[in-house]
Amino acid sequence: MWAAQILMAVIGLSAGMVVAGGLFSFISGLGVISDFADRTHTGEHIMLYEDSVALGGILGNIFFIYRITIPYGAWMAPVFGLFGGIFVGCWSMALAEILNVFPIFVRRAKVLRGIPYIILGVAIGKGLGALLFFFNRF
């Protein structure tokens, strides 16, 4: 019985590490972190940025699994939501940039004007959807 539990723990931990490693390599592969470093002119700290992303994922999982409460967490939730939203927005825009979603959409839909408004509408819709989701949870 103990051997089966230990084996399941090892398999679960290994699978989690593989998935997390794949996600972090996907984030790095999209160039989100290097774009942040390039835009802020802090390219010499790119290893610190990558370590911070990995550490954030690890700590987030530990807090979720062990249900660790953060002091003043309710006050920090909007700040986390803002930074998390900025990061996810930059991540999705980097993915869209790589896949050339917007140029293909513009060509197929024959949109000639208003492209910035379409992009702004997508961003506002994403933000409002996230706000509605989080406000309905509390």
N, C-alpha and C. Protein backbone atom coordinates (compact mmCIF):
# COMPACT_ATOMS: atom_id res chain seq x y z
N MET A 1 0.81 -1.18 0.00
CA MET A 1 0.00 0.00 0.00
C MET A 1 0.86 1.26 0.00
N TRP A 2 1.88 1.30 0.85
CA TRP A 2 2.78 2.45 0.89
C TRP A 2 3.55 2.61 -0.41
N ALA A 3 3.95 1.49 -1.00
CA ALA A 3 4.71 1.55 -2.25
C ALA A 3 3.86 2.16 -3.36
N ALA A 4 2.58 1.80 -3.40
CA ALA A 4 1.69 2.36 -4.42
C ALA A 4 1.52 3.87 -4.23
N GLN A 5 1.40 4.31 -3.00
CA GLN A 5 1.25 5.74 -2.71
C GLN A 5 2.51 6.52 -3.09
N ILE A 6 3.64 5.96 -2.76
CA ILE A 6 4.91 6.62 -3.12
C ILE A 6 5.08 6.68 -4.63
N LEU A 7 4.76 5.58 -5.31
CA LEU A 7 4.85 5.56 -6.77
C LEU A 7 3.91 6.60 -7.39
N MET A 8 2.69 6.69 -6.89
CA MET A 8 1.75 7.69 -7.40
C MET A 8 2.25 9.11 -7.15
N ALA A 9 2.87 9.34 -6.00
CA ALA A 9 3.41 10.67 -5.69
C ALA A 9 4.55 11.02 -6.64
N VAL A 10 5.42 10.06 -6.91
CA VAL A 10 6.54 10.30 -7.82
C VAL A 10 6.02 10.56 -9.24
N ILE A 11 5.05 9.77 -9.68
CA ILE A 11 4.50 9.96 -11.03
C ILE A 11 3.81 11.32 -11.13
N GLY A 12 3.03 11.68 -10.11
CA GLY A 12 2.34 12.97 -10.13
C GLY A 12 3.30 14.14 -10.11
N LEU A 13 4.33 14.06 -9.29
CA LEU A 13 5.32 15.12 -9.22
C LEU A 13 6.08 15.24 -10.54
N SER A 14 6.44 14.11 -11.12
CA SER A 14 7.17 14.13 -12.40
C SER A 14 6.31 14.70 -13.51
N ALA A 15 5.04 14.31 -13.56
CA ALA A 15 4.15 14.84 -14.59
C ALA A 15 3.95 16.33 -14.41
N GLY A 16 3.82 16.79 -13.18
CA GLY A 16 3.68 18.22 -12.92
C GLY A 16 4.90 19.00 -13.35
N MET A 17 6.07 18.44 -13.09
CA MET A 17 7.31 19.13 -13.51
C MET A 17 7.41 19.21 -15.02
N VAL A 18 7.02 18.17 -15.70
CA VAL A 18 7.08 18.17 -17.17
C VAL A 18 6.13 19.21 -17.74
N VAL A 19 4.90 19.26 -17.22
CA VAL A 19 3.93 20.24 -17.70
C VAL A 19 4.38 21.66 -17.40
N ALA A 20 4.87 21.89 -16.19
CA ALA A 20 5.35 23.23 -15.83
C ALA A 20 6.55 23.63 -16.69
N GLY A 21 7.46 22.71 -16.91
CA GLY A 21 8.60 23.01 -17.77
C GLY A 21 8.17 23.34 -19.19
N GLY A 22 7.18 22.62 -19.68
CA GLY A 22 6.65 22.91 -21.02
C GLY A 22 6.01 24.29 -21.08
N LEU A 23 5.27 24.65 -20.04
CA LEU A 23 4.63 25.97 -20.02
C LEU A 23 5.68 27.08 -19.95
N PHE A 24 6.68 26.93 -19.10
CA PHE A 24 7.70 27.96 -18.99
C PHE A 24 8.52 28.07 -20.27
N SER A 25 8.79 26.95 -20.92
CA SER A 25 9.52 27.03 -22.18
C SER A 25 8.65 27.65 -23.27
N PHE A 26 7.32 27.43 -23.19
CA PHE A 26 6.42 28.06 -24.15
C PHE A 26 6.40 29.57 -23.95
N ILE A 27 6.36 30.00 -22.69
CA ILE A 27 6.40 31.44 -22.41
C ILE A 27 7.71 32.04 -22.92
N SER A 28 8.82 31.37 -22.66
CA SER A 28 10.11 31.87 -23.14
C SER A 28 10.19 31.81 -24.66
N GLY A 29 9.66 30.75 -25.24
CA GLY A 29 9.70 30.59 -26.70
C GLY A 29 8.88 31.64 -27.42
N LEU A 30 7.78 32.08 -26.82
CA LEU A 30 6.99 33.14 -27.44
C LEU A 30 7.72 34.47 -27.43
N GLY A 31 8.68 34.60 -26.56
CA GLY A 31 9.46 35.83 -26.51
C GLY A 31 8.85 36.89 -25.62
N VAL A 32 7.92 36.52 -24.76
CA VAL A 32 7.29 37.51 -23.89
C VAL A 32 8.32 38.13 -22.96
N ILE A 33 9.13 37.30 -22.34
CA ILE A 33 10.10 37.81 -21.37
C ILE A 33 11.16 38.66 -22.07
N SER A 34 11.63 38.20 -23.20
CA SER A 34 12.64 38.99 -23.91
C SER A 34 12.04 40.29 -24.46
N ASP A 35 10.76 40.29 -24.83
CA ASP A 35 10.11 41.53 -25.25
C ASP A 35 10.02 42.52 -24.11
N PHE A 36 9.66 42.01 -22.90
CA PHE A 36 9.62 42.90 -21.73
C PHE A 36 11.01 43.51 -21.48
N ALA A 37 12.02 42.68 -21.53
CA ALA A 37 13.38 43.17 -21.28
C ALA A 37 13.81 44.16 -22.37
N ASP A 38 13.41 43.89 -23.61
CA ASP A 38 13.79 44.78 -24.70
C ASP A 38 13.08 46.13 -24.58
N ARG A 39 11.82 46.11 -24.25
CA ARG A 39 11.06 47.36 -24.17
C ARG A 39 11.46 48.21 -22.96
N THR A 40 11.92 47.56 -21.91
CA THR A 40 12.34 48.31 -20.72
C THR A 40 13.85 48.58 -20.70
N HIS A 41 14.54 48.11 -21.72
CA HIS A 41 16.00 48.30 -21.84
C HIS A 41 16.74 47.71 -20.64
N THR A 42 16.30 46.54 -20.20
CA THR A 42 16.95 45.86 -19.08
C THR A 42 17.32 44.44 -19.48
N GLY A 43 17.90 44.29 -20.65
CA GLY A 43 18.25 42.98 -21.17
C GLY A 43 19.29 42.24 -20.34
N GLU A 44 20.07 42.96 -19.56
CA GLU A 44 21.10 42.29 -18.76
C GLU A 44 20.49 41.51 -17.59
N HIS A 45 19.20 41.72 -17.32
CA HIS A 45 18.53 41.02 -16.21
C HIS A 45 17.58 39.92 -16.69
N ILE A 46 17.76 39.45 -17.91
CA ILE A 46 16.80 38.49 -18.48
C ILE A 46 16.75 37.18 -17.69
N MET A 47 17.88 36.73 -17.15
CA MET A 47 17.88 35.50 -16.34
C MET A 47 17.06 35.70 -15.06
N LEU A 48 17.13 36.91 -14.49
CA LEU A 48 16.33 37.22 -13.31
C LEU A 48 14.84 37.18 -13.65
N TYR A 49 14.47 37.70 -14.82
CA TYR A 49 13.07 37.67 -15.24
C TYR A 49 12.58 36.24 -15.42
N GLU A 50 13.38 35.42 -16.08
CA GLU A 50 12.98 34.03 -16.29
C GLU A 50 12.88 33.27 -14.97
N ASP A 51 13.82 33.51 -14.07
CA ASP A 51 13.75 32.87 -12.75
C ASP A 51 12.52 33.34 -11.98
N SER A 52 12.16 34.61 -12.12
CA SER A 52 11.00 35.15 -11.43
C SER A 52 9.71 34.52 -11.95
N VAL A 53 9.61 34.32 -13.25
CA VAL A 53 8.42 33.66 -13.82
C VAL A 53 8.32 32.23 -13.31
N ALA A 54 9.42 31.52 -13.31
CA ALA A 54 9.41 30.14 -12.82
C ALA A 54 9.08 30.09 -11.33
N LEU A 55 9.67 30.98 -10.54
CA LEU A 55 9.40 31.01 -9.11
C LEU A 55 7.94 31.38 -8.83
N GLY A 56 7.39 32.29 -9.61
CA GLY A 56 5.98 32.65 -9.45
C GLY A 56 5.06 31.47 -9.71
N GLY A 57 5.37 30.70 -10.73
CA GLY A 57 4.58 29.50 -11.00
C GLY A 57 4.69 28.47 -9.91
N ILE A 58 5.90 28.27 -9.42
CA ILE A 58 6.13 27.29 -8.35
C ILE A 58 5.42 27.71 -7.07
N LEU A 59 5.59 28.97 -6.67
CA LEU A 59 4.95 29.45 -5.44
C LEU A 59 3.44 29.47 -5.57
N GLY A 60 2.93 29.83 -6.75
CA GLY A 60 1.49 29.81 -6.96
C GLY A 60 0.92 28.42 -6.79
N ASN A 61 1.61 27.41 -7.31
CA ASN A 61 1.15 26.03 -7.14
C ASN A 61 1.22 25.59 -5.69
N ILE A 62 2.29 25.95 -5.00
CA ILE A 62 2.42 25.57 -3.59
C ILE A 62 1.32 26.22 -2.76
N PHE A 63 1.04 27.51 -3.00
CA PHE A 63 -0.02 28.18 -2.26
C PHE A 63 -1.37 27.56 -2.55
N PHE A 64 -1.59 27.16 -3.80
CA PHE A 64 -2.87 26.56 -4.17
C PHE A 64 -3.04 25.17 -3.58
N ILE A 65 -2.02 24.36 -3.68
CA ILE A 65 -2.12 22.97 -3.22
C ILE A 65 -2.24 22.89 -1.70
N TYR A 66 -1.42 23.63 -0.99
CA TYR A 66 -1.41 23.56 0.47
C TYR A 66 -2.33 24.59 1.12
N ARG A 67 -3.07 25.34 0.31
CA ARG A 67 -4.03 26.34 0.79
C ARG A 67 -3.41 27.29 1.79
N ILE A 68 -2.27 27.83 1.42
CA ILE A 68 -1.57 28.80 2.25
C ILE A 68 -2.24 30.16 2.06
N THR A 69 -2.61 30.79 3.14
CA THR A 69 -3.23 32.11 3.03
C THR A 69 -2.16 33.18 3.08
N ILE A 70 -2.41 34.23 2.36
CA ILE A 70 -1.49 35.36 2.31
C ILE A 70 -2.09 36.48 3.15
N PRO A 71 -1.32 37.03 4.11
CA PRO A 71 -1.87 38.13 4.91
C PRO A 71 -2.27 39.30 4.01
N TYR A 72 -3.41 39.89 4.31
CA TYR A 72 -3.93 41.01 3.52
C TYR A 72 -4.14 40.62 2.05
N GLY A 73 -4.45 39.35 1.83
CA GLY A 73 -4.63 38.85 0.47
C GLY A 73 -5.76 39.52 -0.28
N ALA A 74 -6.83 39.88 0.44
CA ALA A 74 -7.96 40.54 -0.21
C ALA A 74 -7.57 41.91 -0.75
N TRP A 75 -6.66 42.58 -0.07
CA TRP A 75 -6.21 43.89 -0.54
C TRP A 75 -5.21 43.76 -1.68
N MET A 76 -4.50 42.64 -1.71
CA MET A 76 -3.49 42.44 -2.75
C MET A 76 -4.08 41.81 -4.01
N ALA A 77 -5.29 41.27 -3.94
CA ALA A 77 -5.90 40.61 -5.09
C ALA A 77 -6.05 41.53 -6.30
N PRO A 78 -6.50 42.78 -6.15
CA PRO A 78 -6.59 43.65 -7.33
C PRO A 78 -5.22 43.93 -7.96
N VAL A 79 -4.20 44.06 -7.13
CA VAL A 79 -2.85 44.30 -7.66
C VAL A 79 -2.38 43.08 -8.44
N PHE A 80 -2.58 41.88 -7.85
CA PHE A 80 -2.22 40.66 -8.54
C PHE A 80 -3.03 40.52 -9.83
N GLY A 81 -4.31 40.84 -9.77
CA GLY A 81 -5.16 40.77 -10.96
C GLY A 81 -4.68 41.71 -12.06
N LEU A 82 -4.26 42.90 -11.68
CA LEU A 82 -3.75 43.85 -12.67
C LEU A 82 -2.48 43.34 -13.33
N PHE A 83 -1.52 42.91 -12.51
CA PHE A 83 -0.27 42.43 -13.08
C PHE A 83 -0.46 41.12 -13.84
N GLY A 84 -1.31 40.24 -13.30
CA GLY A 84 -1.61 39.00 -14.02
C GLY A 84 -2.30 39.27 -15.34
N GLY A 85 -3.21 40.22 -15.36
CA GLY A 85 -3.89 40.58 -16.60
C GLY A 85 -2.95 41.19 -17.63
N ILE A 86 -2.05 42.03 -17.17
CA ILE A 86 -1.06 42.61 -18.08
C ILE A 86 -0.19 41.51 -18.68
N PHE A 87 0.23 40.57 -17.83
CA PHE A 87 1.08 39.50 -18.31
C PHE A 87 0.34 38.61 -19.30
N VAL A 88 -0.89 38.23 -18.98
CA VAL A 88 -1.66 37.37 -19.88
C VAL A 88 -1.98 38.10 -21.18
N GLY A 89 -2.27 39.38 -21.09
CA GLY A 89 -2.51 40.16 -22.30
C GLY A 89 -1.29 40.23 -23.20
N CYS A 90 -0.13 40.45 -22.60
CA CYS A 90 1.11 40.47 -23.39
C CYS A 90 1.41 39.10 -23.96
N TRP A 91 1.11 38.07 -23.19
CA TRP A 91 1.32 36.69 -23.65
C TRP A 91 0.43 36.38 -24.84
N SER A 92 -0.85 36.75 -24.75
CA SER A 92 -1.76 36.46 -25.86
C SER A 92 -1.41 37.30 -27.09
N MET A 93 -0.97 38.52 -26.88
CA MET A 93 -0.56 39.34 -28.03
C MET A 93 0.71 38.78 -28.67
N ALA A 94 1.61 38.26 -27.87
CA ALA A 94 2.81 37.64 -28.44
C ALA A 94 2.44 36.40 -29.25
N LEU A 95 1.50 35.62 -28.74
CA LEU A 95 1.04 34.45 -29.48
C LEU A 95 0.35 34.86 -30.76
N ALA A 96 -0.48 35.89 -30.70
CA ALA A 96 -1.16 36.38 -31.90
C ALA A 96 -0.16 36.94 -32.90
N GLU A 97 0.91 37.56 -32.39
CA GLU A 97 1.94 38.10 -33.26
C GLU A 97 2.67 36.99 -34.01
N ILE A 98 2.97 35.93 -33.28
CA ILE A 98 3.68 34.82 -33.90
C ILE A 98 2.80 34.12 -34.93
N LEU A 99 1.55 33.93 -34.61
CA LEU A 99 0.65 33.23 -35.51
C LEU A 99 0.09 34.13 -36.60
N ASN A 100 0.38 35.41 -36.54
CA ASN A 100 -0.11 36.38 -37.52
C ASN A 100 -1.63 36.35 -37.61
N VAL A 101 -2.28 36.31 -36.47
CA VAL A 101 -3.73 36.23 -36.44
C VAL A 101 -4.37 37.48 -37.00
N PHE A 102 -3.90 38.64 -36.58
CA PHE A 102 -4.55 39.87 -37.01
C PHE A 102 -4.39 40.14 -38.50
N PRO A 103 -3.21 39.97 -39.09
CA PRO A 103 -3.13 40.19 -40.54
C PRO A 103 -4.01 39.23 -41.34
N ILE A 104 -4.10 38.00 -40.91
CA ILE A 104 -4.94 37.04 -41.62
C ILE A 104 -6.41 37.43 -41.47
N PHE A 105 -6.81 37.82 -40.25
CA PHE A 105 -8.19 38.24 -40.02
C PHE A 105 -8.52 39.47 -40.85
N VAL A 106 -7.63 40.45 -40.90
CA VAL A 106 -7.88 41.68 -41.64
C VAL A 106 -8.03 41.38 -43.13
N ARG A 107 -7.19 40.51 -43.66
CA ARG A 107 -7.29 40.16 -45.08
C ARG A 107 -8.58 39.42 -45.40
N ARG A 108 -8.94 38.46 -44.57
CA ARG A 108 -10.15 37.65 -44.85
C ARG A 108 -11.43 38.43 -44.62
N ALA A 109 -11.45 39.29 -43.61
CA ALA A 109 -12.65 40.06 -43.33
C ALA A 109 -12.71 41.33 -44.17
N LYS A 110 -11.65 41.62 -44.90
CA LYS A 110 -11.56 42.81 -45.76
C LYS A 110 -11.80 44.10 -44.97
N VAL A 111 -11.17 44.15 -43.80
CA VAL A 111 -11.25 45.33 -42.95
C VAL A 111 -10.18 46.30 -43.41
N LEU A 112 -10.61 47.52 -43.75
CA LEU A 112 -9.65 48.51 -44.22
C LEU A 112 -9.37 49.59 -43.20
N ARG A 113 -10.37 49.89 -42.38
CA ARG A 113 -10.19 50.94 -41.37
C ARG A 113 -10.62 50.41 -40.01
N GLY A 114 -10.16 51.02 -38.96
CA GLY A 114 -10.60 50.68 -37.62
C GLY A 114 -9.88 49.52 -36.97
N ILE A 115 -8.74 49.11 -37.51
CA ILE A 115 -8.00 47.99 -36.93
C ILE A 115 -7.59 48.26 -35.49
N PRO A 116 -7.09 49.47 -35.17
CA PRO A 116 -6.75 49.72 -33.75
C PRO A 116 -7.96 49.60 -32.83
N TYR A 117 -9.15 49.98 -33.34
CA TYR A 117 -10.36 49.87 -32.51
C TYR A 117 -10.76 48.42 -32.30
N ILE A 118 -10.53 47.59 -33.30
CA ILE A 118 -10.83 46.15 -33.15
C ILE A 118 -9.93 45.55 -32.08
N ILE A 119 -8.64 45.87 -32.14
CA ILE A 119 -7.69 45.36 -31.15
C ILE A 119 -8.03 45.88 -29.76
N LEU A 120 -8.38 47.17 -29.67
CA LEU A 120 -8.78 47.74 -28.39
C LEU A 120 -10.05 47.08 -27.87
N GLY A 121 -10.99 46.81 -28.74
CA GLY A 121 -12.23 46.13 -28.34
C GLY A 121 -11.96 44.74 -27.81
N VAL A 122 -11.05 44.01 -28.44
CA VAL A 122 -10.69 42.68 -27.96
C VAL A 122 -10.07 42.78 -26.57
N ALA A 123 -9.18 43.76 -26.38
CA ALA A 123 -8.51 43.92 -25.08
C ALA A 123 -9.51 44.34 -24.00
N ILE A 124 -10.41 45.27 -24.31
CA ILE A 124 -11.41 45.70 -23.32
C ILE A 124 -12.36 44.55 -23.00
N GLY A 125 -12.77 43.81 -24.01
CA GLY A 125 -13.64 42.66 -23.78
C GLY A 125 -12.99 41.62 -22.89
N LYS A 126 -11.71 41.38 -23.12
CA LYS A 126 -10.98 40.43 -22.27
C LYS A 126 -10.90 40.93 -20.83
N GLY A 127 -10.62 42.21 -20.68
CA GLY A 127 -10.53 42.78 -19.33
C GLY A 127 -11.87 42.78 -18.62
N LEU A 128 -12.95 43.16 -19.30
CA LEU A 128 -14.27 43.15 -18.67
C LEU A 128 -14.72 41.73 -18.33
N GLY A 129 -14.42 40.78 -19.21
CA GLY A 129 -14.75 39.39 -18.92
C GLY A 129 -14.03 38.89 -17.68
N ALA A 130 -12.75 39.26 -17.54
CA ALA A 130 -12.00 38.87 -16.35
C ALA A 130 -12.56 39.53 -15.10
N LEU A 131 -12.94 40.82 -15.20
CA LEU A 131 -13.52 41.51 -14.05
C LEU A 131 -14.83 40.86 -13.62
N LEU A 132 -15.69 40.56 -14.58
CA LEU A 132 -16.95 39.90 -14.24
C LEU A 132 -16.71 38.54 -13.60
N PHE A 133 -15.75 37.81 -14.12
CA PHE A 133 -15.44 36.50 -13.56
C PHE A 133 -14.99 36.62 -12.12
N PHE A 134 -14.06 37.54 -11.84
CA PHE A 134 -13.51 37.65 -10.50
C PHE A 134 -14.50 38.28 -9.53
N PHE A 135 -15.33 39.23 -9.98
CA PHE A 135 -16.31 39.81 -9.07
C PHE A 135 -17.43 38.84 -8.73
N ASN A 136 -17.73 37.92 -9.63
CA ASN A 136 -18.77 36.93 -9.34
C ASN A 136 -18.27 35.82 -8.44
N ARG A 137 -16.98 35.70 -8.27
CA ARG A 137 -16.42 34.67 -7.39
C ARG A 137 -16.50 35.05 -5.92
N PHE A 138 -16.50 36.35 -5.62
CA PHE A 138 -16.45 36.79 -4.22
C PHE A 138 -17.83 36.98 -3.65
